[in-house]
N, C-alpha and C. Protein backbone atom coordinates (compact mmCIF):
# COMPACT_ATOMS: atom_id res chain seq x y z
N MET A 1 -3.15 -10.89 -14.19
CA MET A 1 -2.30 -9.71 -13.60
C MET A 1 -1.08 -9.71 -14.41
N GLY A 2 -0.50 -10.51 -15.03
CA GLY A 2 0.71 -10.69 -16.09
C GLY A 2 0.12 -9.44 -17.18
N ARG A 3 -0.89 -9.87 -17.49
CA ARG A 3 -1.30 -8.68 -18.94
C ARG A 3 -1.31 -7.25 -18.32
N LYS A 4 -1.71 -7.07 -17.03
CA LYS A 4 -1.88 -5.65 -16.87
C LYS A 4 -0.59 -5.08 -16.31
N LEU A 5 0.39 -6.04 -15.90
CA LEU A 5 1.67 -5.46 -15.52
C LEU A 5 2.17 -5.00 -16.92
N THR A 6 2.37 -5.91 -17.86
CA THR A 6 2.64 -5.54 -19.39
C THR A 6 2.16 -4.42 -19.79
N MET A 7 0.82 -4.17 -19.83
CA MET A 7 0.23 -2.94 -20.28
C MET A 7 0.74 -1.94 -19.66
N ALA A 8 0.69 -1.98 -18.12
CA ALA A 8 1.56 -0.82 -17.34
C ALA A 8 2.99 -0.25 -18.17
N ALA A 9 3.79 -1.64 -18.14
CA ALA A 9 5.23 -1.56 -18.42
C ALA A 9 5.18 -0.48 -19.80
N MET A 10 4.18 -1.10 -20.77
CA MET A 10 4.13 -0.56 -22.19
C MET A 10 3.89 1.38 -22.05
N LEU A 11 3.00 1.60 -20.83
CA LEU A 11 2.59 2.73 -20.82
C LEU A 11 3.67 3.39 -20.32
N VAL A 12 4.27 3.13 -19.27
CA VAL A 12 5.43 3.70 -18.73
C VAL A 12 6.54 4.13 -19.66
N ALA A 13 6.88 3.05 -20.55
CA ALA A 13 7.78 3.10 -21.33
C ALA A 13 7.52 4.14 -22.47
N GLY A 14 6.11 4.29 -22.88
CA GLY A 14 5.67 5.23 -23.83
C GLY A 14 6.03 6.36 -23.23
N ALA A 15 5.25 6.75 -21.96
CA ALA A 15 5.58 8.10 -21.55
C ALA A 15 6.62 8.60 -21.14
N THR A 16 7.77 7.44 -21.10
CA THR A 16 9.26 7.98 -20.85
C THR A 16 9.85 8.48 -21.96
N SER A 17 9.34 7.57 -23.34
CA SER A 17 10.01 7.98 -24.42
C SER A 17 9.42 9.24 -25.03
N LEU A 18 8.10 9.80 -24.72
CA LEU A 18 7.65 11.10 -24.98
C LEU A 18 8.35 11.93 -23.98
N PHE A 19 8.33 11.79 -22.85
CA PHE A 19 8.97 12.94 -22.12
C PHE A 19 10.70 13.30 -22.49
N ALA A 20 11.12 12.13 -23.02
CA ALA A 20 12.45 11.98 -23.32
C ALA A 20 12.67 12.74 -24.86
N GLN A 21 11.60 12.58 -25.66
CA GLN A 21 11.61 13.44 -26.77
C GLN A 21 11.22 14.85 -26.53
N GLU A 22 10.75 15.28 -25.69
CA GLU A 22 10.15 16.55 -25.34
C GLU A 22 11.31 17.14 -24.72
N GLN A 23 12.58 16.75 -24.11
CA GLN A 23 13.63 17.31 -23.29
C GLN A 23 13.17 17.40 -21.93
N MET A 24 12.25 16.51 -21.38
CA MET A 24 11.74 16.91 -20.05
C MET A 24 12.54 16.05 -19.30
N PRO A 25 13.26 16.42 -18.26
CA PRO A 25 13.92 15.54 -17.24
C PRO A 25 13.10 14.58 -16.29
N VAL A 26 13.48 13.31 -16.15
CA VAL A 26 13.06 12.55 -15.50
C VAL A 26 13.79 12.33 -14.09
N SER A 27 13.31 12.34 -12.98
CA SER A 27 14.02 11.89 -11.54
C SER A 27 13.85 10.46 -10.95
N LEU A 28 14.70 9.94 -10.56
CA LEU A 28 14.32 8.49 -10.20
C LEU A 28 14.99 8.35 -8.72
N GLY A 29 14.35 7.74 -7.82
CA GLY A 29 14.83 7.24 -6.33
C GLY A 29 13.85 6.30 -5.89
N PHE A 30 13.72 6.48 -4.44
CA PHE A 30 13.13 5.35 -3.74
C PHE A 30 12.07 6.07 -2.49
N LYS A 31 11.59 5.41 -2.06
CA LYS A 31 10.61 5.99 -0.78
C LYS A 31 10.84 5.13 0.13
N VAL A 32 11.04 5.53 1.48
CA VAL A 32 10.72 4.85 2.85
C VAL A 32 9.86 5.64 3.95
N GLY A 33 9.23 5.01 4.44
CA GLY A 33 8.56 5.20 5.34
C GLY A 33 7.53 4.23 6.34
N VAL A 34 6.77 4.80 7.10
CA VAL A 34 6.08 3.97 8.00
C VAL A 34 4.72 4.52 7.95
N PRO A 35 3.55 3.19 8.10
CA PRO A 35 2.31 3.35 7.97
C PRO A 35 1.70 4.66 9.13
N ILE A 36 0.71 5.22 9.44
CA ILE A 36 0.39 5.83 10.25
C ILE A 36 -0.87 5.17 11.00
N THR A 37 -1.82 4.72 9.90
CA THR A 37 -2.93 3.98 10.41
C THR A 37 -2.91 2.74 10.09
N ASN A 38 -3.64 1.81 10.93
CA ASN A 38 -3.44 0.25 10.72
C ASN A 38 -4.46 -0.39 9.50
N MET A 39 -3.65 -1.04 8.69
CA MET A 39 -4.57 -1.80 7.19
C MET A 39 -5.85 -2.08 7.79
N LEU A 40 -5.95 -3.02 8.73
CA LEU A 40 -7.09 -3.64 8.85
C LEU A 40 -7.84 -3.39 10.64
N THR A 41 -9.04 -3.45 10.60
CA THR A 41 -9.50 -3.35 11.88
C THR A 41 -10.05 -4.81 12.47
N ALA A 42 -9.59 -5.37 13.77
CA ALA A 42 -9.81 -6.61 14.03
C ALA A 42 -10.63 -6.48 15.31
N GLY A 43 -11.22 -7.53 15.60
CA GLY A 43 -11.95 -7.62 17.23
C GLY A 43 -12.76 -9.05 17.32
N ASN A 44 -13.48 -8.98 18.29
CA ASN A 44 -13.91 -10.33 18.52
C ASN A 44 -15.20 -10.60 17.98
N THR A 45 -15.35 -11.60 17.13
CA THR A 45 -16.83 -12.16 16.27
C THR A 45 -17.87 -12.52 17.25
N GLY A 46 -17.59 -13.16 18.44
CA GLY A 46 -18.92 -13.21 19.18
C GLY A 46 -18.84 -14.74 19.36
N TRP A 47 -20.08 -15.43 19.23
CA TRP A 47 -19.84 -16.84 19.43
C TRP A 47 -19.87 -17.46 18.08
N LEU A 48 -19.16 -18.28 17.69
CA LEU A 48 -19.12 -19.09 16.71
C LEU A 48 -19.53 -20.43 16.70
N ASN A 49 -20.49 -20.86 15.53
CA ASN A 49 -21.42 -21.99 15.83
C ASN A 49 -22.09 -22.01 16.88
N GLY A 50 -22.45 -21.00 17.90
CA GLY A 50 -23.23 -21.24 19.16
C GLY A 50 -22.39 -22.02 20.14
N SER A 51 -21.18 -22.22 20.03
CA SER A 51 -20.30 -23.01 20.85
C SER A 51 -19.16 -22.07 21.48
N VAL A 52 -18.51 -21.40 20.70
CA VAL A 52 -16.92 -20.88 21.28
C VAL A 52 -16.79 -19.96 20.77
N PRO A 53 -16.51 -18.62 21.54
CA PRO A 53 -16.10 -17.31 20.91
C PRO A 53 -14.64 -17.24 19.94
N GLY A 54 -14.96 -16.50 18.94
CA GLY A 54 -13.38 -16.60 17.78
C GLY A 54 -13.28 -14.58 17.95
N ASN A 55 -11.99 -14.72 17.57
CA ASN A 55 -11.60 -13.06 17.94
C ASN A 55 -10.41 -12.98 16.57
N TYR A 56 -10.41 -11.98 16.19
CA TYR A 56 -9.21 -11.77 15.02
C TYR A 56 -8.07 -10.56 15.83
N SER A 57 -6.85 -10.90 15.51
CA SER A 57 -6.05 -9.68 15.46
C SER A 57 -5.22 -9.43 14.21
N ALA A 58 -4.93 -8.21 14.11
CA ALA A 58 -4.40 -7.60 13.07
C ALA A 58 -2.83 -7.06 13.36
N HIS A 59 -1.86 -7.35 12.45
CA HIS A 59 -0.50 -6.93 12.78
C HIS A 59 -0.42 -5.71 11.83
N MET A 60 -0.10 -4.44 12.24
CA MET A 60 0.07 -3.24 11.76
C MET A 60 1.34 -3.22 10.80
N PRO A 61 1.55 -2.90 9.63
CA PRO A 61 2.80 -3.25 8.85
C PRO A 61 3.67 -1.98 9.53
N ARG A 62 5.02 -2.65 9.83
CA ARG A 62 6.11 -1.73 10.43
C ARG A 62 6.72 -0.74 9.47
N TYR A 63 6.34 -0.99 8.29
CA TYR A 63 7.17 -0.30 7.01
C TYR A 63 6.59 -0.31 5.87
N THR A 64 7.00 0.80 5.14
CA THR A 64 6.38 0.75 3.65
C THR A 64 8.05 1.24 2.79
N PHE A 65 8.43 0.62 1.63
CA PHE A 65 9.39 1.03 0.76
C PHE A 65 9.17 0.85 -0.72
N GLY A 66 9.87 1.35 -1.60
CA GLY A 66 9.49 1.27 -2.88
C GLY A 66 10.53 2.09 -3.75
N VAL A 67 10.22 2.07 -5.02
CA VAL A 67 10.91 3.02 -6.12
C VAL A 67 9.72 4.07 -6.33
N SER A 68 10.32 5.04 -6.96
CA SER A 68 9.77 6.13 -7.10
C SER A 68 10.35 6.94 -8.54
N GLY A 69 9.48 7.53 -9.34
CA GLY A 69 10.05 8.32 -10.56
C GLY A 69 8.99 9.46 -10.93
N GLU A 70 9.51 10.48 -11.12
CA GLU A 70 9.02 11.79 -11.32
C GLU A 70 9.28 12.45 -12.77
N PHE A 71 8.29 12.67 -13.39
CA PHE A 71 8.50 13.33 -14.59
C PHE A 71 8.16 14.88 -14.56
N HIS A 72 9.15 15.95 -15.07
CA HIS A 72 9.05 17.17 -14.66
C HIS A 72 8.23 17.76 -15.95
N LEU A 73 7.31 18.12 -15.57
CA LEU A 73 6.24 19.06 -16.45
C LEU A 73 6.66 20.37 -16.60
N PRO A 74 6.21 21.05 -17.57
CA PRO A 74 5.88 22.44 -17.42
C PRO A 74 5.42 23.27 -16.28
N HIS A 75 5.71 24.57 -16.06
CA HIS A 75 5.06 25.23 -14.86
C HIS A 75 5.29 24.75 -13.48
N HIS A 76 6.63 23.95 -13.41
CA HIS A 76 6.83 23.50 -11.85
C HIS A 76 5.85 22.41 -11.50
N VAL A 77 5.23 21.93 -12.43
CA VAL A 77 4.37 20.46 -12.37
C VAL A 77 5.12 19.35 -12.36
N ARG A 78 4.98 18.39 -11.26
CA ARG A 78 5.57 16.86 -11.68
C ARG A 78 4.78 15.90 -11.70
N PHE A 79 4.99 14.64 -12.27
CA PHE A 79 4.18 13.87 -12.26
C PHE A 79 4.88 12.58 -11.70
N GLU A 80 4.24 12.04 -10.47
CA GLU A 80 5.40 11.09 -9.75
C GLU A 80 4.24 9.87 -9.95
N VAL A 81 5.22 8.88 -10.32
CA VAL A 81 4.44 7.35 -10.15
C VAL A 81 5.64 6.55 -9.05
N ASP A 82 4.94 5.89 -8.12
CA ASP A 82 5.60 5.07 -6.98
C ASP A 82 5.22 3.46 -7.24
N GLY A 83 6.23 2.76 -6.67
CA GLY A 83 5.93 1.28 -6.45
C GLY A 83 6.27 1.08 -5.01
N LEU A 84 5.22 0.83 -4.14
CA LEU A 84 5.42 0.94 -2.78
C LEU A 84 5.11 -0.84 -2.12
N PHE A 85 5.69 -1.23 -1.12
CA PHE A 85 5.37 -2.63 -0.74
C PHE A 85 5.31 -2.53 0.93
N LYS A 86 4.40 -3.32 1.38
CA LYS A 86 4.24 -3.49 2.83
C LYS A 86 4.21 -4.84 2.94
N ARG A 87 4.59 -5.64 3.91
CA ARG A 87 4.21 -6.90 4.63
C ARG A 87 3.16 -6.74 5.76
N ALA A 88 1.81 -7.28 5.90
CA ALA A 88 0.96 -7.15 6.67
C ALA A 88 0.49 -8.61 7.10
N GLY A 89 -0.64 -8.90 8.00
CA GLY A 89 -0.98 -9.92 8.49
C GLY A 89 -1.98 -9.94 9.72
N PHE A 90 -2.60 -10.87 9.49
CA PHE A 90 -3.68 -11.10 10.71
C PHE A 90 -3.78 -12.42 11.42
N ASN A 91 -4.51 -12.67 12.61
CA ASN A 91 -4.44 -14.00 13.15
C ASN A 91 -6.15 -14.16 13.46
N SER A 92 -6.32 -15.00 13.34
CA SER A 92 -7.94 -15.53 13.87
C SER A 92 -7.57 -16.62 14.71
N ALA A 93 -8.75 -17.04 15.67
CA ALA A 93 -8.70 -17.77 16.51
C ALA A 93 -10.01 -18.12 17.18
N THR A 94 -10.19 -19.75 17.47
CA THR A 94 -11.00 -19.83 18.59
C THR A 94 -10.36 -20.59 19.56
N PRO A 95 -10.34 -19.92 20.96
CA PRO A 95 -9.13 -20.18 21.77
C PRO A 95 -9.72 -21.34 22.67
N PHE A 96 -10.99 -21.87 23.24
CA PHE A 96 -11.45 -22.64 24.01
C PHE A 96 -12.20 -23.99 23.32
N GLY A 97 -12.29 -25.02 24.20
CA GLY A 97 -12.76 -26.11 23.62
C GLY A 97 -11.85 -27.27 22.95
N PRO A 98 -12.46 -28.52 22.46
CA PRO A 98 -11.59 -29.15 21.73
C PRO A 98 -11.49 -29.05 20.50
N GLY A 99 -12.15 -28.07 19.84
CA GLY A 99 -12.32 -27.56 18.32
C GLY A 99 -11.33 -26.15 18.39
N ALA A 100 -10.67 -26.10 19.04
CA ALA A 100 -9.72 -24.52 19.43
C ALA A 100 -8.61 -24.63 17.93
N ILE A 101 -8.90 -23.51 17.44
CA ILE A 101 -7.91 -23.56 15.99
C ILE A 101 -7.46 -22.18 16.06
N TYR A 102 -6.02 -22.24 15.63
CA TYR A 102 -5.62 -20.59 15.45
C TYR A 102 -4.79 -20.67 13.94
N ARG A 103 -5.47 -19.30 12.98
CA ARG A 103 -4.81 -19.20 12.04
C ARG A 103 -3.78 -17.78 11.83
N PRO A 104 -2.68 -18.37 11.68
CA PRO A 104 -1.81 -17.06 11.33
C PRO A 104 -1.90 -16.71 9.58
N THR A 105 -2.17 -15.37 9.42
CA THR A 105 -1.95 -14.99 7.93
C THR A 105 -1.07 -13.95 7.58
N THR A 106 -0.47 -14.10 6.77
CA THR A 106 0.22 -13.00 6.30
C THR A 106 0.32 -12.78 4.90
N PHE A 107 0.62 -11.83 4.32
CA PHE A 107 0.35 -11.23 2.79
C PHE A 107 1.16 -10.08 2.42
N ASN A 108 1.56 -9.83 1.01
CA ASN A 108 2.17 -8.64 0.43
C ASN A 108 0.98 -7.94 -0.13
N ASP A 109 1.64 -6.32 0.15
CA ASP A 109 0.53 -5.49 0.08
C ASP A 109 1.01 -4.54 -1.16
N TRP A 110 1.08 -4.27 -2.29
CA TRP A 110 1.70 -3.80 -3.38
C TRP A 110 0.95 -2.54 -3.82
N GLU A 111 1.24 -1.00 -3.65
CA GLU A 111 0.49 -0.10 -4.02
C GLU A 111 1.59 0.65 -5.10
N ILE A 112 0.70 1.18 -6.07
CA ILE A 112 1.19 1.85 -7.18
C ILE A 112 0.08 3.23 -7.37
N PRO A 113 0.69 4.38 -6.60
CA PRO A 113 0.22 5.47 -6.71
C PRO A 113 0.68 6.37 -7.96
N GLY A 114 0.00 6.95 -8.75
CA GLY A 114 0.20 8.12 -9.74
C GLY A 114 -0.50 9.35 -9.38
N MET A 115 0.65 10.64 -9.30
CA MET A 115 0.19 11.70 -8.65
C MET A 115 1.10 12.79 -9.09
N PHE A 116 0.03 14.02 -9.65
CA PHE A 116 0.30 15.37 -9.86
C PHE A 116 1.13 16.06 -8.68
N LYS A 117 2.21 16.58 -8.70
CA LYS A 117 2.91 17.21 -7.40
C LYS A 117 2.96 18.76 -8.07
N PHE A 118 2.20 19.47 -7.29
CA PHE A 118 2.57 20.92 -7.47
C PHE A 118 3.57 21.62 -6.37
N ASN A 119 4.49 22.43 -6.78
CA ASN A 119 5.35 22.82 -5.80
C ASN A 119 4.63 24.45 -5.59
N ILE A 120 4.90 24.75 -4.36
CA ILE A 120 4.38 26.23 -3.79
C ILE A 120 5.74 26.94 -3.32
N GLY A 121 5.77 27.87 -4.45
CA GLY A 121 7.17 28.75 -4.35
C GLY A 121 8.29 28.27 -4.72
N HIS A 122 9.51 28.75 -5.14
CA HIS A 122 10.90 28.37 -5.55
C HIS A 122 11.96 28.55 -4.92
N SER A 123 11.92 28.47 -3.65
CA SER A 123 12.94 28.83 -2.68
C SER A 123 13.80 27.53 -2.65
N HIS A 124 14.97 27.27 -1.54
CA HIS A 124 15.45 26.37 -1.39
C HIS A 124 14.59 25.20 -0.50
N LEU A 125 13.89 25.60 0.09
CA LEU A 125 12.87 24.75 0.76
C LEU A 125 11.59 25.00 0.09
N ARG A 126 10.99 24.10 -0.72
CA ARG A 126 9.68 24.31 -1.44
C ARG A 126 8.60 23.44 -1.10
N PRO A 127 7.65 23.95 -0.44
CA PRO A 127 6.42 22.70 -0.22
C PRO A 127 5.72 22.56 -1.28
N PHE A 128 4.80 21.48 -1.09
CA PHE A 128 4.27 21.15 -2.39
C PHE A 128 3.04 19.90 -1.87
N PHE A 129 2.17 19.91 -3.06
CA PHE A 129 0.98 19.20 -2.38
C PHE A 129 0.61 18.14 -3.63
N ASP A 130 0.23 17.10 -3.40
CA ASP A 130 -0.21 16.11 -4.64
C ASP A 130 -1.24 15.42 -4.67
N ILE A 131 -1.90 14.77 -5.66
CA ILE A 131 -2.89 14.51 -5.82
C ILE A 131 -3.14 13.52 -6.78
N GLY A 132 -3.85 12.35 -6.76
CA GLY A 132 -4.00 11.36 -7.93
C GLY A 132 -4.93 10.08 -7.55
N ALA A 133 -4.49 9.19 -8.12
CA ALA A 133 -5.13 7.80 -8.07
C ALA A 133 -4.00 6.44 -7.63
N VAL A 134 -4.52 5.68 -7.03
CA VAL A 134 -3.50 4.52 -6.44
C VAL A 134 -4.31 3.33 -7.03
N TYR A 135 -3.49 2.10 -6.82
CA TYR A 135 -3.81 1.03 -7.47
C TYR A 135 -2.93 -0.04 -6.39
N ARG A 136 -4.16 -1.18 -5.79
CA ARG A 136 -3.37 -1.96 -4.65
C ARG A 136 -3.79 -3.18 -5.31
N HIS A 137 -2.68 -4.25 -4.80
CA HIS A 137 -2.68 -5.58 -5.38
C HIS A 137 -2.09 -6.74 -4.20
N ILE A 138 -3.07 -7.34 -3.55
CA ILE A 138 -2.63 -8.23 -2.56
C ILE A 138 -2.19 -9.62 -3.32
N SER A 139 -0.73 -10.04 -2.52
CA SER A 139 -0.17 -11.33 -3.24
C SER A 139 0.08 -12.07 -2.09
N THR A 140 0.78 -13.04 -2.37
CA THR A 140 1.80 -14.25 -1.54
C THR A 140 1.23 -14.20 -0.17
N ILE A 141 0.00 -14.63 -0.35
CA ILE A 141 -1.08 -14.77 1.06
C ILE A 141 -0.62 -16.01 1.61
N SER A 142 -0.09 -16.21 2.76
CA SER A 142 0.47 -17.67 3.48
C SER A 142 -0.67 -17.50 4.72
N GLN A 143 -1.47 -18.78 4.93
CA GLN A 143 -2.33 -18.83 6.11
C GLN A 143 -2.14 -20.28 6.42
N MET A 144 -1.78 -20.37 7.98
CA MET A 144 -1.65 -21.76 8.57
C MET A 144 -2.59 -21.98 9.23
N THR A 145 -3.01 -23.13 9.51
CA THR A 145 -4.15 -23.61 10.43
C THR A 145 -3.78 -24.80 11.53
N TYR A 146 -3.57 -24.22 12.50
CA TYR A 146 -3.17 -25.32 13.77
C TYR A 146 -4.23 -25.64 14.58
N GLY A 147 -4.25 -26.65 15.31
CA GLY A 147 -4.92 -27.44 16.43
C GLY A 147 -5.85 -28.32 16.24
N VAL A 148 -6.65 -28.61 14.57
CA VAL A 148 -7.60 -29.21 14.19
C VAL A 148 -7.16 -29.53 12.78
N ALA A 149 -8.02 -31.06 12.68
CA ALA A 149 -7.81 -31.26 11.03
C ALA A 149 -8.87 -30.88 10.43
N PRO A 150 -8.69 -30.85 9.37
CA PRO A 150 -7.55 -30.47 8.36
C PRO A 150 -6.77 -29.18 8.78
N TYR A 151 -5.45 -29.61 8.65
CA TYR A 151 -4.45 -28.26 9.31
C TYR A 151 -3.24 -28.48 8.31
N GLY A 152 -2.64 -27.28 8.12
CA GLY A 152 -1.36 -26.98 7.11
C GLY A 152 -1.56 -25.55 6.39
N LEU A 153 -0.73 -25.60 5.63
CA LEU A 153 -0.66 -24.56 4.52
C LEU A 153 -1.69 -24.08 3.56
N LEU A 154 -2.49 -22.92 3.81
CA LEU A 154 -3.13 -22.43 2.42
C LEU A 154 -2.45 -21.25 2.11
N ALA A 155 -2.03 -21.78 0.73
CA ALA A 155 -1.36 -20.83 0.06
C ALA A 155 -1.93 -19.84 -0.81
N ASN A 156 -1.60 -18.88 -0.60
CA ASN A 156 -1.99 -17.75 -1.51
C ASN A 156 -3.49 -17.49 -1.72
N ASN A 157 -4.28 -17.39 -0.46
CA ASN A 157 -5.61 -17.57 -0.35
C ASN A 157 -6.23 -17.38 0.91
N SER A 158 -7.05 -16.98 0.92
CA SER A 158 -7.80 -16.74 2.58
C SER A 158 -9.33 -16.50 2.53
N SER A 159 -10.07 -17.01 3.43
CA SER A 159 -11.51 -17.01 3.42
C SER A 159 -12.03 -15.47 3.52
N ALA A 160 -11.17 -14.48 4.47
CA ALA A 160 -11.39 -13.62 4.52
C ALA A 160 -11.11 -12.41 3.13
N LEU A 161 -10.58 -12.79 2.19
CA LEU A 161 -9.90 -12.16 1.02
C LEU A 161 -11.20 -11.66 0.46
N ARG A 162 -11.44 -10.49 -0.23
CA ARG A 162 -12.89 -10.01 -0.78
C ARG A 162 -12.26 -9.34 -2.35
N ASN A 163 -11.12 -8.76 -2.47
CA ASN A 163 -10.66 -8.03 -3.33
C ASN A 163 -9.41 -7.97 -3.58
N ARG A 164 -8.54 -8.68 -4.54
CA ARG A 164 -7.31 -8.79 -4.58
C ARG A 164 -6.73 -7.40 -4.93
N ASN A 165 -7.50 -6.99 -5.92
CA ASN A 165 -7.27 -5.61 -6.62
C ASN A 165 -8.10 -4.76 -6.44
N THR A 166 -7.55 -3.71 -5.93
CA THR A 166 -8.58 -2.37 -5.32
C THR A 166 -7.85 -1.14 -6.08
N TYR A 167 -8.81 -0.09 -6.19
CA TYR A 167 -8.45 1.33 -6.53
C TYR A 167 -8.69 2.33 -5.51
N GLY A 168 -8.15 3.39 -5.57
CA GLY A 168 -8.47 4.70 -4.46
C GLY A 168 -8.07 6.16 -5.18
N GLY A 169 -8.43 6.76 -4.36
CA GLY A 169 -7.55 8.33 -4.52
C GLY A 169 -6.46 8.46 -3.29
N VAL A 170 -5.48 9.30 -3.69
CA VAL A 170 -4.48 9.65 -2.55
C VAL A 170 -3.94 11.37 -2.77
N ALA A 171 -3.94 11.67 -1.61
CA ALA A 171 -3.44 13.21 -1.85
C ALA A 171 -2.46 13.23 -0.75
N GLY A 172 -1.14 14.19 -0.60
CA GLY A 172 -0.39 14.46 0.37
C GLY A 172 0.21 15.76 0.15
N ILE A 173 0.81 16.10 1.51
CA ILE A 173 1.52 17.44 1.52
C ILE A 173 3.02 17.14 2.15
N GLY A 174 4.00 18.11 1.65
CA GLY A 174 5.11 17.71 2.08
C GLY A 174 6.22 19.05 1.79
N PHE A 175 7.55 18.83 1.91
CA PHE A 175 8.39 19.85 1.31
C PHE A 175 9.61 19.17 0.78
N MET A 176 10.29 19.85 -0.14
CA MET A 176 11.35 19.47 -0.79
C MET A 176 12.60 20.30 -0.60
N PHE A 177 13.76 19.77 -0.61
CA PHE A 177 14.97 20.65 -0.44
C PHE A 177 15.86 19.67 -0.73
N LYS A 178 17.07 20.43 -1.24
CA LYS A 178 18.46 19.73 -1.89
C LYS A 178 19.25 19.41 -0.61
N LYS A 179 20.07 18.20 -0.51
CA LYS A 179 21.13 17.48 0.30
C LYS A 179 21.99 17.11 -0.52
N GLY A 180 23.15 17.99 -0.96
CA GLY A 180 24.30 17.60 -1.93
C GLY A 180 23.51 16.97 -3.35
N PRO A 181 23.93 15.88 -3.84
CA PRO A 181 23.34 15.33 -4.96
C PRO A 181 21.68 15.19 -5.05
N PHE A 182 21.26 14.83 -3.70
CA PHE A 182 20.16 14.23 -3.75
C PHE A 182 19.17 15.25 -3.55
N GLU A 183 18.15 15.11 -3.79
CA GLU A 183 16.50 15.73 -3.37
C GLU A 183 15.61 15.36 -2.35
N LEU A 184 15.54 15.66 -1.24
CA LEU A 184 14.75 14.72 -0.11
C LEU A 184 13.46 15.41 0.06
N THR A 185 12.29 14.60 0.06
CA THR A 185 11.16 14.94 0.11
C THR A 185 10.05 14.21 1.02
N PRO A 186 10.04 14.91 2.47
CA PRO A 186 9.40 14.41 3.42
C PRO A 186 7.64 14.44 3.22
N GLU A 187 6.84 13.68 3.40
CA GLU A 187 5.65 14.04 2.84
C GLU A 187 4.52 12.98 3.98
N ALA A 188 3.62 13.71 4.08
CA ALA A 188 2.36 12.87 4.77
C ALA A 188 1.32 12.80 3.86
N ARG A 189 0.99 11.37 3.35
CA ARG A 189 -0.09 10.81 2.43
C ARG A 189 -1.26 10.46 2.94
N TYR A 190 -2.69 10.85 2.45
CA TYR A 190 -3.65 10.20 2.56
C TYR A 190 -4.14 9.65 1.47
N THR A 191 -4.96 8.28 1.90
CA THR A 191 -5.48 7.49 0.66
C THR A 191 -6.75 6.92 1.10
N ARG A 192 -7.92 7.26 0.32
CA ARG A 192 -9.08 6.59 0.55
C ARG A 192 -9.37 5.42 -0.43
N TRP A 193 -9.46 4.03 0.04
CA TRP A 193 -9.57 3.14 -0.88
C TRP A 193 -11.26 2.94 -1.36
N ALA A 194 -11.35 2.57 -2.52
CA ALA A 194 -13.11 2.31 -2.76
C ALA A 194 -13.87 0.93 -2.09
N ASP A 195 -12.81 0.03 -2.20
CA ASP A 195 -13.38 -1.26 -1.79
C ASP A 195 -12.39 -1.82 -0.55
N GLU A 196 -13.00 -2.97 -0.04
CA GLU A 196 -12.13 -3.28 1.04
C GLU A 196 -11.40 -4.74 0.69
N ALA A 197 -10.21 -5.08 0.73
CA ALA A 197 -9.20 -6.28 0.50
C ALA A 197 -9.64 -7.41 1.06
N PHE A 198 -9.69 -7.01 2.31
CA PHE A 198 -10.24 -8.13 3.29
C PHE A 198 -11.46 -7.96 3.98
N LYS A 199 -12.34 -8.62 4.17
CA LYS A 199 -13.37 -8.69 5.12
C LYS A 199 -14.30 -9.70 5.12
N THR A 200 -14.52 -9.82 6.76
CA THR A 200 -15.29 -11.19 6.98
C THR A 200 -16.16 -10.63 8.54
N VAL A 201 -16.75 -11.25 9.31
CA VAL A 201 -16.96 -10.99 10.55
C VAL A 201 -15.96 -11.02 11.47
N GLY A 202 -15.54 -9.78 12.10
CA GLY A 202 -14.36 -9.61 12.74
C GLY A 202 -13.34 -9.04 12.18
N LEU A 203 -13.27 -8.86 11.00
CA LEU A 203 -12.19 -8.15 10.37
C LEU A 203 -12.50 -7.54 9.08
N ARG A 204 -12.11 -6.16 9.13
CA ARG A 204 -12.28 -5.40 7.84
C ARG A 204 -11.08 -4.51 7.81
N THR A 205 -11.01 -4.46 6.04
CA THR A 205 -9.96 -3.22 5.64
C THR A 205 -10.27 -1.88 5.93
N ASN A 206 -9.63 -0.85 6.94
CA ASN A 206 -10.01 0.59 6.89
C ASN A 206 -9.59 1.20 5.56
N LEU A 207 -10.73 1.83 5.08
CA LEU A 207 -10.76 2.32 3.75
C LEU A 207 -9.87 3.80 3.60
N ASP A 208 -9.64 3.95 5.02
CA ASP A 208 -8.98 5.51 5.20
C ASP A 208 -7.56 4.98 5.37
N GLN A 209 -6.60 5.43 4.74
CA GLN A 209 -5.10 5.26 4.99
C GLN A 209 -4.01 6.52 5.08
N GLY A 210 -3.09 6.23 6.08
CA GLY A 210 -2.39 7.37 6.15
C GLY A 210 -0.74 6.93 6.35
N ASP A 211 0.02 7.55 5.65
CA ASP A 211 1.40 7.08 5.74
C ASP A 211 2.26 8.48 5.53
N ALA A 212 3.79 7.82 6.49
CA ALA A 212 4.40 9.18 6.65
C ALA A 212 5.92 8.44 5.14
N LEU A 213 6.31 9.29 4.71
CA LEU A 213 6.90 8.83 3.66
C LEU A 213 8.02 10.10 3.54
N LEU A 214 9.28 9.36 3.27
CA LEU A 214 10.54 9.97 2.66
C LEU A 214 11.15 9.77 1.37
N GLY A 215 10.77 10.63 0.23
CA GLY A 215 11.48 10.28 -0.72
C GLY A 215 12.71 10.85 -1.14
N ILE A 216 13.90 10.15 -1.55
CA ILE A 216 14.92 10.43 -2.12
C ILE A 216 15.53 10.19 -3.13
N THR A 217 15.57 11.36 -4.18
CA THR A 217 15.75 11.31 -5.72
C THR A 217 16.98 11.94 -6.08
N PHE A 218 17.62 11.47 -7.29
CA PHE A 218 18.45 12.13 -7.77
C PHE A 218 18.52 12.08 -9.27
């Protein structure tokens, strides 16, 4: 992971230097928003080990936020790179019998989309659409086990984790307008993931994802 981040930083630095040499402006800002869809689908697993029913429940992330950078290209095209963060989680339980256990799990979801943004028109209120690719990394998994030995904290791992790193495609629509020194960009964004981050009986990652975002750049 460290090598990947180092390479990504070198690429961003090189791109920034190139755009600076060409005298193409760069806009910096941040993103805030809320998920429209849940990251995980959870439900009853049926009978575990032929004795007691187990089930999963998922926590829908309440927010997403991060930083954003835009490279202004010719012909009113921009290339945007975001670094977005969500905190999500799920619970698993076998609620009956002497072997009942309860496992709450939380984790960090990091998403780095890179998109070409195309403006439609040049008025004060400018609609746009964007399209590109996105990278996801799951980190800081915290899973506790209660009710049966052995119990305690399982740090940065889960039996349901399948892919810590996944990729996908992303597209969005929105509009852009100026408010004082700031440029505001409300946007609805759709992501299609190629692989599931978490998957087990009774729990899976939704490959379709929707987010409502507000970008603020200056």
